[in-house]
Amino acid sequence: SLTLRDEYGQPLQAAQVAGDVYAVGSPGARFTIGVENHSGGRMEIVASVDGLDVIDGLEADFSKRGYVIEPYTSFAIDGWRTSDETVAAFRFSDMDGSYAGLTGKPRNVGVVGVAFFREAGYDAVELHRRDSADPFPNRYANPPPARRGY
């Protein structure tokens, strides 16, 4: 399951309109993406904000790697991954102030996307290889550029 949460971990208010769900946030307010795996198998979570991958900051794509979540666990994606230890916070903003807008790719501003992929079979050697791999060597999102006009 997926829940957008405020900076205190509380679910954001939402409204459903014609099959789409809209979260309600204030300009400048931080949000996180809460993910829960309610199944007995591992899943890979590929997430995007404003049409950009949350790990590398480039265009989102189903073929990219994501976060692996163990059975019956949860975690929060706190922001754009900038290194192994740090993230740049997700914040509500206008189009020009968005990370996508500042990087010249504003076509999906306001869209949060999460794809869930079930693990399809495995063996012990393959699991060890996956768990010990560095899938994103030097491929994190660049810090957002300075706002234009300021």
Protein backbone atom coordinates (compact mmCIF):
# COMPACT_ATOMS: atom_id res chain seq x y z
CA SER A 1 0.00 0.00 0.00
CA LEU A 2 0.98 3.61 -0.47
CA THR A 3 0.35 6.61 1.78
CA LEU A 4 1.60 10.16 1.35
CA ARG A 5 2.51 11.50 4.77
CA ASP A 6 3.31 14.90 6.22
CA GLU A 7 6.61 15.72 7.91
CA TYR A 8 5.26 14.28 11.19
CA GLY A 9 4.34 10.94 9.62
CA GLN A 10 0.60 11.59 9.54
CA PRO A 11 -1.35 10.64 6.38
CA LEU A 12 -2.19 13.62 4.19
CA GLN A 13 -5.83 14.40 3.53
CA ALA A 14 -6.87 13.20 0.11
CA ALA A 15 -9.75 13.40 -2.31
CA GLN A 16 -10.74 10.93 -5.01
CA VAL A 17 -11.92 12.47 -8.28
CA ALA A 18 -12.86 10.28 -11.26
CA GLY A 19 -10.51 7.47 -10.27
CA ASP A 20 -7.57 9.72 -9.38
CA VAL A 21 -6.48 10.45 -5.81
CA TYR A 22 -5.30 13.95 -4.92
CA ALA A 23 -3.30 14.67 -1.77
CA VAL A 24 -3.78 18.01 -0.07
CA GLY A 25 -0.60 19.86 0.92
CA SER A 26 0.54 23.40 1.62
CA PRO A 27 3.21 25.18 -0.44
CA GLY A 28 6.64 24.47 1.04
CA ALA A 29 5.37 21.64 3.24
CA ARG A 30 7.44 18.47 3.29
CA PHE A 31 5.94 15.07 2.46
CA THR A 32 7.14 11.47 2.40
CA ILE A 33 5.97 8.38 0.56
CA GLY A 34 4.98 5.61 2.98
CA VAL A 35 5.07 2.08 1.55
CA GLU A 36 3.85 -1.14 3.18
CA ASN A 37 4.25 -4.71 1.95
CA HIS A 38 1.28 -6.76 3.16
CA SER A 39 2.40 -9.89 1.29
CA GLY A 40 4.59 -12.84 2.22
CA GLY A 41 7.10 -12.10 -0.57
CA ARG A 42 9.69 -9.46 -1.23
CA MET A 43 8.71 -6.59 -3.52
CA GLU A 44 10.61 -3.96 -5.43
CA ILE A 45 9.24 -0.42 -5.27
CA VAL A 46 10.04 1.95 -8.14
CA ALA A 47 8.90 5.45 -7.24
CA SER A 48 8.72 8.82 -8.95
CA VAL A 49 7.72 12.35 -8.01
CA ASP A 50 6.88 14.90 -10.71
CA GLY A 51 7.74 12.23 -13.33
CA LEU A 52 11.31 11.88 -12.07
CA ASP A 53 12.84 8.81 -10.43
CA VAL A 54 13.35 9.40 -6.69
CA ILE A 55 16.77 7.75 -6.75
CA ASP A 56 18.56 9.29 -9.71
CA GLY A 57 16.39 12.35 -10.43
CA LEU A 58 16.13 11.42 -14.10
CA GLU A 59 12.97 10.55 -16.07
CA ALA A 60 11.00 7.79 -14.37
CA ASP A 61 10.76 4.39 -16.05
CA PHE A 62 9.41 1.00 -15.01
CA SER A 63 12.69 -0.63 -16.05
CA LYS A 64 14.70 1.22 -13.38
CA ARG A 65 15.75 -0.35 -10.10
CA GLY A 66 14.04 0.66 -6.89
CA TYR A 67 13.82 -0.12 -3.19
CA VAL A 68 13.38 -3.74 -2.07
CA ILE A 69 10.90 -4.21 0.76
CA GLU A 70 10.79 -7.39 2.81
CA PRO A 71 7.52 -9.23 3.54
CA TYR A 72 5.20 -7.61 6.10
CA THR A 73 7.38 -4.53 6.54
CA SER A 74 7.10 -0.83 5.78
CA PHE A 75 9.36 2.12 5.13
CA ALA A 76 9.24 5.76 4.08
CA ILE A 77 10.87 7.32 1.06
CA ASP A 78 11.92 10.61 2.61
CA GLY A 79 13.05 12.51 -0.47
CA TRP A 80 15.29 12.59 -3.51
CA ARG A 81 18.25 10.30 -2.85
CA THR A 82 21.45 12.38 -3.07
CA SER A 83 23.85 9.84 -1.50
CA ASP A 84 23.75 6.67 0.60
CA GLU A 85 23.16 8.81 3.69
CA THR A 86 21.25 11.86 2.52
CA VAL A 87 18.07 12.91 0.74
CA ALA A 88 16.63 16.21 -0.45
CA ALA A 89 13.14 16.57 0.98
CA PHE A 90 10.02 16.27 -1.16
CA ARG A 91 8.11 19.55 -0.86
CA PHE A 92 4.88 20.88 -2.28
CA SER A 93 5.57 23.79 -4.62
CA ASP A 94 4.40 25.57 -7.72
CA MET A 95 5.55 24.36 -11.12
CA ASP A 96 8.52 26.73 -11.40
CA GLY A 97 9.74 25.87 -7.91
CA SER A 98 9.48 22.10 -8.30
CA TYR A 99 12.56 19.91 -8.74
CA ALA A 100 11.21 18.89 -12.15
CA GLY A 101 10.59 22.52 -13.11
CA LEU A 102 14.07 23.59 -11.99
CA THR A 103 15.64 20.79 -14.04
CA GLY A 104 13.61 21.69 -17.15
CA LYS A 105 11.26 18.67 -17.06
CA PRO A 106 7.96 20.03 -15.64
CA ARG A 107 5.47 17.98 -17.64
CA ASN A 108 4.40 15.72 -14.72
CA VAL A 109 4.62 18.15 -11.80
CA GLY A 110 2.28 17.07 -9.04
CA VAL A 111 2.27 13.38 -9.97
CA VAL A 112 3.52 10.79 -7.47
CA GLY A 113 3.93 7.34 -9.00
CA VAL A 114 4.80 4.06 -7.33
CA ALA A 115 5.10 0.70 -9.08
CA PHE A 116 5.13 -2.50 -7.03
CA PHE A 117 6.88 -5.55 -8.50
CA ARG A 118 6.69 -9.01 -6.93
CA GLU A 119 9.89 -10.98 -6.77
CA ALA A 120 9.64 -13.76 -9.36
CA GLY A 121 11.49 -16.81 -8.08
CA TYR A 122 14.98 -16.78 -6.67
CA ASP A 123 17.83 -18.92 -5.46
CA ALA A 124 20.22 -18.33 -2.53
CA VAL A 125 23.14 -17.27 -4.74
CA GLU A 126 20.98 -14.78 -6.65
CA LEU A 127 19.55 -13.34 -3.41
CA HIS A 128 23.08 -12.84 -2.01
CA ARG A 129 24.15 -11.17 -5.27
CA ARG A 130 21.16 -8.82 -5.16
CA ASP A 131 21.53 -7.99 -1.47
CA SER A 132 25.26 -7.22 -1.77
CA ALA A 133 25.07 -5.26 -5.04
CA ASP A 134 25.37 -1.50 -5.31
CA PRO A 135 22.63 -0.84 -7.88
CA PHE A 136 23.15 2.93 -7.95
CA PRO A 137 26.90 3.65 -8.05
CA ASN A 138 27.32 7.42 -8.35
CA ARG A 139 23.79 7.71 -9.79
CA TYR A 140 21.92 9.83 -7.29
CA ALA A 141 19.89 12.92 -8.01
CA ASN A 142 21.79 16.19 -8.26
CA PRO A 143 20.80 18.89 -5.81
CA PRO A 144 18.03 21.10 -7.23
CA PRO A 145 19.32 24.16 -9.06
CA ALA A 146 18.76 27.55 -7.49
CA ARG A 147 15.34 29.08 -8.13
CA ARG A 148 15.22 31.22 -11.21
CA GLY A 149 14.88 34.95 -10.68
CA TYR A 150 16.10 35.00 -7.05
